[in-house]
């Protein structure tokens, strides 16, 4: 994950705790989760609205299966 190990993540979380405080972190986490969920939903809706996107996705799956068989 971007070359980040456990010590680096602990330092980042510690700094976030110091900057935002204990009461604000759950709100930030909730907001981040909602934003990611909304982004994924938007991507899914966009894929459905583009003609031919489902066919491309199914073709990718078939290609992946064939690659696995060849190995």
PDB file of N, CA and C in Angstrom:
ATOM      1  N   UNK A   1       0.843  -1.181   0.000  1.00  0.00           N
ATOM      2  CA  UNK A   1       0.000   0.000   0.000  1.00  0.00           C
ATOM      3  C   UNK A   1       0.885   1.239   0.000  1.00  0.00           C
ATOM      4  N   UNK A   2       1.378   1.636  -1.115  1.00  0.00           N
ATOM      5  CA  UNK A   2       2.188   2.832  -1.292  1.00  0.00           C
ATOM      6  C   UNK A   2       3.465   2.803  -0.465  1.00  0.00           C
ATOM      7  N   UNK A   3       3.930   1.634  -0.088  1.00  0.00           N
ATOM      8  CA  UNK A   3       5.153   1.525   0.676  1.00  0.00           C
ATOM      9  C   UNK A   3       5.013   1.960   2.128  1.00  0.00           C
ATOM     10  N   UNK A   4       3.790   2.051   2.626  1.00  0.00           N
ATOM     11  CA  UNK A   4       3.569   2.445   4.013  1.00  0.00           C
ATOM     12  C   UNK A   4       3.475   1.199   4.884  1.00  0.00           C
ATOM     13  N   UNK A   5       4.284   1.154   5.912  1.00  0.00           N
ATOM     14  CA  UNK A   5       4.235   0.051   6.855  1.00  0.00           C
ATOM     15  C   UNK A   5       3.447   0.447   8.092  1.00  0.00           C
ATOM     16  N   UNK A   6       3.414  -0.456   9.039  1.00  0.00           N
ATOM     17  CA  UNK A   6       2.687  -0.205  10.279  1.00  0.00           C
ATOM     18  C   UNK A   6       3.236   1.000  11.045  1.00  0.00           C
ATOM     19  N   UNK A   7       4.552   1.136  11.188  1.00  0.00           N
ATOM     20  CA  UNK A   7       5.056   2.307  11.932  1.00  0.00           C
ATOM     21  C   UNK A   7       4.655   3.642  11.295  1.00  0.00           C
ATOM     22  N   UNK A   8       4.683   3.693   9.978  1.00  0.00           N
ATOM     23  CA  UNK A   8       4.312   4.931   9.302  1.00  0.00           C
ATOM     24  C   UNK A   8       2.843   5.262   9.515  1.00  0.00           C
ATOM     25  N   UNK A   9       1.978   4.223   9.440  1.00  0.00           N
ATOM     26  CA  UNK A   9       0.553   4.448   9.648  1.00  0.00           C
ATOM     27  C   UNK A   9       0.266   4.895  11.076  1.00  0.00           C
ATOM     28  N   UNK A  10       0.986   4.338  12.044  1.00  0.00           N
ATOM     29  CA  UNK A  10       0.809   4.747  13.439  1.00  0.00           C
ATOM     30  C   UNK A  10       1.194   6.213  13.605  1.00  0.00           C
ATOM     31  N   UNK A  11       2.275   6.630  12.988  1.00  0.00           N
ATOM     32  CA  UNK A  11       2.701   8.030  13.076  1.00  0.00           C
ATOM     33  C   UNK A  11       1.665   8.946  12.426  1.00  0.00           C
ATOM     34  N   UNK A  12       1.153   8.561  11.276  1.00  0.00           N
ATOM     35  CA  UNK A  12       0.144   9.369  10.586  1.00  0.00           C
ATOM     36  C   UNK A  12      -1.115   9.483  11.434  1.00  0.00           C
ATOM     37  N   UNK A  13      -1.568   8.375  12.002  1.00  0.00           N
ATOM     38  CA  UNK A  13      -2.760   8.409  12.859  1.00  0.00           C
ATOM     39  C   UNK A  13      -2.511   9.245  14.116  1.00  0.00           C
ATOM     40  N   UNK A  14      -1.315   9.165  14.673  1.00  0.00           N
ATOM     41  CA  UNK A  14      -0.981   9.981  15.841  1.00  0.00           C
ATOM     42  C   UNK A  14      -1.028  11.461  15.533  1.00  0.00           C
ATOM     43  N   UNK A  15      -0.481  11.846  14.403  1.00  0.00           N
ATOM     44  CA  UNK A  15      -0.503  13.254  13.994  1.00  0.00           C
ATOM     45  C   UNK A  15      -1.937  13.708  13.745  1.00  0.00           C
ATOM     46  N   UNK A  16      -2.743  12.846  13.091  1.00  0.00           N
ATOM     47  CA  UNK A  16      -4.147  13.188  12.853  1.00  0.00           C
ATOM     48  C   UNK A  16      -4.886  13.372  14.174  1.00  0.00           C
ATOM     49  N   UNK A  17      -4.579  12.523  15.146  1.00  0.00           N
ATOM     50  CA  UNK A  17      -5.209  12.643  16.467  1.00  0.00           C
ATOM     51  C   UNK A  17      -4.832  13.961  17.134  1.00  0.00           C
ATOM     52  N   UNK A  18      -3.583  14.348  17.009  1.00  0.00           N
ATOM     53  CA  UNK A  18      -3.139  15.605  17.608  1.00  0.00           C
ATOM     54  C   UNK A  18      -3.754  16.819  16.911  1.00  0.00           C
ATOM     55  N   UNK A  19      -3.875  16.750  15.595  1.00  0.00           N
ATOM     56  CA  UNK A  19      -4.383  17.882  14.835  1.00  0.00           C
ATOM     57  C   UNK A  19      -5.893  18.042  15.012  1.00  0.00           C
ATOM     58  N   UNK A  20      -6.642  16.937  14.875  1.00  0.00           N
ATOM     59  CA  UNK A  20      -8.102  17.018  14.877  1.00  0.00           C
ATOM     60  C   UNK A  20      -8.730  16.746  16.235  1.00  0.00           C
ATOM     61  N   UNK A  21      -8.049  16.052  17.106  1.00  0.00           N
ATOM     62  CA  UNK A  21      -8.604  15.744  18.420  1.00  0.00           C
ATOM     63  C   UNK A  21      -9.445  14.479  18.385  1.00  0.00           C
ATOM     64  N   UNK A  22      -9.701  13.949  19.561  1.00  0.00           N
ATOM     65  CA  UNK A  22     -10.421  12.685  19.676  1.00  0.00           C
ATOM     66  C   UNK A  22     -11.885  12.755  19.291  1.00  0.00           C
ATOM     67  N   UNK A  23     -12.522  13.902  19.487  1.00  0.00           N
ATOM     68  CA  UNK A  23     -13.951  14.013  19.179  1.00  0.00           C
ATOM     69  C   UNK A  23     -14.200  14.173  17.684  1.00  0.00           C
ATOM     70  N   UNK A  24     -13.268  14.733  16.983  1.00  0.00           N
ATOM     71  CA  UNK A  24     -13.461  15.019  15.565  1.00  0.00           C
ATOM     72  C   UNK A  24     -13.109  13.831  14.666  1.00  0.00           C
ATOM     73  N   UNK A  25     -12.225  12.933  15.125  1.00  0.00           N
ATOM     74  CA  UNK A  25     -11.788  11.812  14.281  1.00  0.00           C
ATOM     75  C   UNK A  25     -12.930  10.900  13.846  1.00  0.00           C
ATOM     76  N   UNK A  26     -13.866  10.497  14.737  1.00  0.00           N
ATOM     77  CA  UNK A  26     -14.974   9.660  14.254  1.00  0.00           C
ATOM     78  C   UNK A  26     -15.827  10.353  13.194  1.00  0.00           C
ATOM     79  N   UNK A  27     -16.009  11.662  13.342  1.00  0.00           N
ATOM     80  CA  UNK A  27     -16.768  12.405  12.338  1.00  0.00           C
ATOM     81  C   UNK A  27     -16.031  12.410  11.000  1.00  0.00           C
ATOM     82  N   UNK A  28     -14.724  12.592  11.053  1.00  0.00           N
ATOM     83  CA  UNK A  28     -13.928  12.583   9.819  1.00  0.00           C
ATOM     84  C   UNK A  28     -13.959  11.208   9.162  1.00  0.00           C
ATOM     85  N   UNK A  29     -13.848  10.157   9.978  1.00  0.00           N
ATOM     86  CA  UNK A  29     -13.906   8.794   9.435  1.00  0.00           C
ATOM     87  C   UNK A  29     -15.247   8.499   8.800  1.00  0.00           C
ATOM     88  N   UNK A  30     -16.311   8.928   9.454  1.00  0.00           N
ATOM     89  CA  UNK A  30     -17.651   8.728   8.913  1.00  0.00           C
ATOM     90  C   UNK A  30     -17.819   9.472   7.594  1.00  0.00           C
ATOM     91  N   UNK A  31     -17.364  10.704   7.569  1.00  0.00           N
ATOM     92  CA  UNK A  31     -17.451  11.496   6.333  1.00  0.00           C
ATOM     93  C   UNK A  31     -16.643  10.887   5.210  1.00  0.00           C
ATOM     94  N   UNK A  32     -15.460  10.369   5.537  1.00  0.00           N
ATOM     95  CA  UNK A  32     -14.621   9.730   4.525  1.00  0.00           C
ATOM     96  C   UNK A  32     -15.288   8.463   3.991  1.00  0.00           C
ATOM     97  N   UNK A  33     -15.878   7.688   4.885  1.00  0.00           N
ATOM     98  CA  UNK A  33     -16.581   6.473   4.458  1.00  0.00           C
ATOM     99  C   UNK A  33     -17.752   6.784   3.552  1.00  0.00           C
ATOM    100  N   UNK A  34     -18.518   7.816   3.898  1.00  0.00           N
ATOM    101  CA  UNK A  34     -19.650   8.213   3.061  1.00  0.00           C
ATOM    102  C   UNK A  34     -19.178   8.714   1.703  1.00  0.00           C
ATOM    103  N   UNK A  35     -18.074   9.444   1.694  1.00  0.00           N
ATOM    104  CA  UNK A  35     -17.547   9.965   0.430  1.00  0.00           C
ATOM    105  C   UNK A  35     -17.086   8.831  -0.480  1.00  0.00           C
ATOM    106  N   UNK A  36     -16.397   7.845   0.084  1.00  0.00           N
ATOM    107  CA  UNK A  36     -15.941   6.701  -0.711  1.00  0.00           C
ATOM    108  C   UNK A  36     -17.129   5.916  -1.239  1.00  0.00           C
ATOM    109  N   UNK A  37     -18.140   5.710  -0.384  1.00  0.00           N
ATOM    110  CA  UNK A  37     -19.343   4.991  -0.794  1.00  0.00           C
ATOM    111  C   UNK A  37     -20.053   5.723  -1.926  1.00  0.00           C
ATOM    112  N   UNK A  38     -20.171   7.034  -1.802  1.00  0.00           N
ATOM    113  CA  UNK A  38     -20.813   7.839  -2.833  1.00  0.00           C
ATOM    114  C   UNK A  38     -20.023   7.782  -4.143  1.00  0.00           C
ATOM    115  N   UNK A  39     -18.701   7.818  -4.037  1.00  0.00           N
ATOM    116  CA  UNK A  39     -17.852   7.745  -5.230  1.00  0.00           C
ATOM    117  C   UNK A  39     -18.042   6.413  -5.951  1.00  0.00           C
ATOM    118  N   UNK A  40     -18.059   5.311  -5.189  1.00  0.00           N
ATOM    119  CA  UNK A  40     -18.247   3.996  -5.799  1.00  0.00           C
ATOM    120  C   UNK A  40     -19.624   3.888  -6.447  1.00  0.00           C
ATOM    121  N   UNK A  41     -20.638   4.441  -5.778  1.00  0.00           N
ATOM    122  CA  UNK A  41     -21.989   4.416  -6.334  1.00  0.00           C
ATOM    123  C   UNK A  41     -22.041   5.203  -7.640  1.00  0.00           C
ATOM    124  N   UNK A  42     -21.394   6.357  -7.661  1.00  0.00           N
ATOM    125  CA  UNK A  42     -21.343   7.168  -8.874  1.00  0.00           C
ATOM    126  C   UNK A  42     -20.637   6.454 -10.013  1.00  0.00           C
ATOM    127  N   UNK A  43     -19.543   5.761  -9.699  1.00  0.00           N
ATOM    128  CA  UNK A  43     -18.844   4.996 -10.733  1.00  0.00           C
ATOM    129  C   UNK A  43     -19.732   3.884 -11.286  1.00  0.00           C
ATOM    130  N   UNK A  44     -20.441   3.211 -10.384  1.00  0.00           N
ATOM    131  CA  UNK A  44     -21.326   2.124 -10.815  1.00  0.00           C
ATOM    132  C   UNK A  44     -22.438   2.665 -11.721  1.00  0.00           C
ATOM    133  N   UNK A  45     -23.023   3.801 -11.340  1.00  0.00           N
ATOM    134  CA  UNK A  45     -24.067   4.411 -12.159  1.00  0.00           C
ATOM    135  C   UNK A  45     -23.516   4.856 -13.512  1.00  0.00           C
ATOM    136  N   UNK A  46     -22.312   5.376 -13.518  1.00  0.00           N
ATOM    137  CA  UNK A  46     -21.706   5.817 -14.771  1.00  0.00           C
ATOM    138  C   UNK A  46     -21.438   4.631 -15.689  1.00  0.00           C
ATOM    139  N   UNK A  47     -20.986   3.515 -15.109  1.00  0.00           N
ATOM    140  CA  UNK A  47     -20.739   2.322 -15.917  1.00  0.00           C
ATOM    141  C   UNK A  47     -22.026   1.810 -16.539  1.00  0.00           C
ATOM    142  N   UNK A  48     -23.131   1.886 -15.797  1.00  0.00           N
ATOM    143  CA  UNK A  48     -24.405   1.410 -16.327  1.00  0.00           C
ATOM    144  C   UNK A  48     -24.953   2.332 -17.408  1.00  0.00           C
ATOM    145  N   UNK A  49     -24.642   3.624 -17.330  1.00  0.00           N
ATOM    146  CA  UNK A  49     -25.191   4.572 -18.295  1.00  0.00           C
ATOM    147  C   UNK A  49     -24.419   4.578 -19.613  1.00  0.00           C
ATOM    148  N   UNK A  50     -23.183   4.091 -19.615  1.00  0.00           N
ATOM    149  CA  UNK A  50     -22.379   4.078 -20.837  1.00  0.00           C
ATOM    150  C   UNK A  50     -22.729   2.826 -21.643  1.00  0.00           C
ATOM    151  N   UNK A  51     -23.175   3.007 -22.880  1.00  0.00           N
ATOM    152  CA  UNK A  51     -23.520   1.830 -23.686  1.00  0.00           C
ATOM    153  C   UNK A  51     -22.287   0.973 -23.980  1.00  0.00           C
ATOM    154  N   UNK A  52     -22.453  -0.326 -23.832  1.00  0.00           N
ATOM    155  CA  UNK A  52     -21.381  -1.262 -24.135  1.00  0.00           C
ATOM    156  C   UNK A  52     -20.430  -1.516 -22.990  1.00  0.00           C
ATOM    157  N   UNK A  53     -20.604  -0.856 -21.866  1.00  0.00           N
ATOM    158  CA  UNK A  53     -19.676  -1.018 -20.754  1.00  0.00           C
ATOM    159  C   UNK A  53     -19.800  -2.410 -20.135  1.00  0.00           C
ATOM    160  N   UNK A  54     -21.022  -2.930 -20.058  1.00  0.00           N
ATOM    161  CA  UNK A  54     -21.211  -4.269 -19.483  1.00  0.00           C
ATOM    162  C   UNK A  54     -20.521  -5.321 -20.347  1.00  0.00           C
ATOM    163  N   UNK A  55     -20.590  -5.139 -21.661  1.00  0.00           N
ATOM    164  CA  UNK A  55     -19.949  -6.085 -22.561  1.00  0.00           C
ATOM    165  C   UNK A  55     -18.435  -6.052 -22.384  1.00  0.00           C
ATOM    166  N   UNK A  56     -17.888  -4.872 -22.207  1.00  0.00           N
ATOM    167  CA  UNK A  56     -16.450  -4.745 -22.004  1.00  0.00           C
ATOM    168  C   UNK A  56     -16.044  -5.434 -20.702  1.00  0.00           C
ATOM    169  N   UNK A  57     -16.844  -5.243 -19.649  1.00  0.00           N
ATOM    170  CA  UNK A  57     -16.533  -5.863 -18.361  1.00  0.00           C
ATOM    171  C   UNK A  57     -16.595  -7.386 -18.464  1.00  0.00           C
ATOM    172  N   UNK A  58     -17.605  -7.909 -19.152  1.00  0.00           N
ATOM    173  CA  UNK A  58     -17.707  -9.365 -19.287  1.00  0.00           C
ATOM    174  C   UNK A  58     -16.566  -9.903 -20.150  1.00  0.00           C
ATOM    175  N   UNK A  59     -16.149  -9.146 -21.159  1.00  0.00           N
ATOM    176  CA  UNK A  59     -15.026  -9.560 -21.995  1.00  0.00           C
ATOM    177  C   UNK A  59     -13.743  -9.608 -21.181  1.00  0.00           C
ATOM    178  N   UNK A  60     -13.561  -8.626 -20.289  1.00  0.00           N
ATOM    179  CA  UNK A  60     -12.375  -8.607 -19.424  1.00  0.00           C
ATOM    180  C   UNK A  60     -12.352  -9.840 -18.534  1.00  0.00           C
ATOM    181  N   UNK A  61     -13.513 -10.216 -17.994  1.00  0.00           N
ATOM    182  CA  UNK A  61     -13.592 -11.401 -17.144  1.00  0.00           C
ATOM    183  C   UNK A  61     -13.215 -12.659 -17.926  1.00  0.00           C
ATOM    184  N   UNK A  62     -13.720 -12.770 -19.155  1.00  0.00           N
ATOM    185  CA  UNK A  62     -13.415 -13.934 -19.984  1.00  0.00           C
ATOM    186  C   UNK A  62     -11.914 -13.988 -20.309  1.00  0.00           C
ATOM    187  N   UNK A  63     -11.323 -12.842 -20.611  1.00  0.00           N
ATOM    188  CA  UNK A  63      -9.889 -12.797 -20.894  1.00  0.00           C
ATOM    189  C   UNK A  63      -9.112 -13.236 -19.666  1.00  0.00           C
ATOM    190  N   UNK A  64      -9.538 -12.783 -18.494  1.00  0.00           N
ATOM    191  CA  UNK A  64      -8.871 -13.195 -17.252  1.00  0.00           C
ATOM    192  C   UNK A  64      -8.952 -14.682 -17.025  1.00  0.00           C
ATOM    193  N   UNK A  65     -10.108 -15.277 -17.317  1.00  0.00           N
ATOM    194  CA  UNK A  65     -10.266 -16.728 -17.180  1.00  0.00           C
ATOM    195  C   UNK A  65      -9.343 -17.481 -18.128  1.00  0.00           C
ATOM    196  N   UNK A  66      -9.241 -16.988 -19.355  1.00  0.00           N
ATOM    197  CA  UNK A  66      -8.379 -17.644 -20.338  1.00  0.00           C
ATOM    198  C   UNK A  66      -6.923 -17.526 -19.911  1.00  0.00           C
ATOM    199  N   UNK A  67      -6.525 -16.377 -19.387  1.00  0.00           N
ATOM    200  CA  UNK A  67      -5.148 -16.212 -18.907  1.00  0.00           C
ATOM    201  C   UNK A  67      -4.853 -17.189 -17.787  1.00  0.00           C
ATOM    202  N   UNK A  68      -5.819 -17.384 -16.893  1.00  0.00           N
ATOM    203  CA  UNK A  68      -5.631 -18.333 -15.799  1.00  0.00           C
ATOM    204  C   UNK A  68      -5.498 -19.758 -16.323  1.00  0.00           C
ATOM    205  N   UNK A  69      -6.255 -20.085 -17.361  1.00  0.00           N
ATOM    206  CA  UNK A  69      -6.179 -21.430 -17.935  1.00  0.00           C
ATOM    207  C   UNK A  69      -4.831 -21.672 -18.612  1.00  0.00           C
ATOM    208  N   UNK A  70      -4.282 -20.627 -19.230  1.00  0.00           N
ATOM    209  CA  UNK A  70      -3.027 -20.756 -19.946  1.00  0.00           C
ATOM    210  C   UNK A  70      -1.862 -20.971 -18.985  1.00  0.00           C
ATOM    211  N   UNK A  71      -1.951 -20.390 -17.801  1.00  0.00           N
ATOM    212  CA  UNK A  71      -0.872 -20.542 -16.817  1.00  0.00           C
ATOM    213  C   UNK A  71      -0.809 -21.959 -16.421  1.00  0.00           C
TER     214      UNK A  71
END
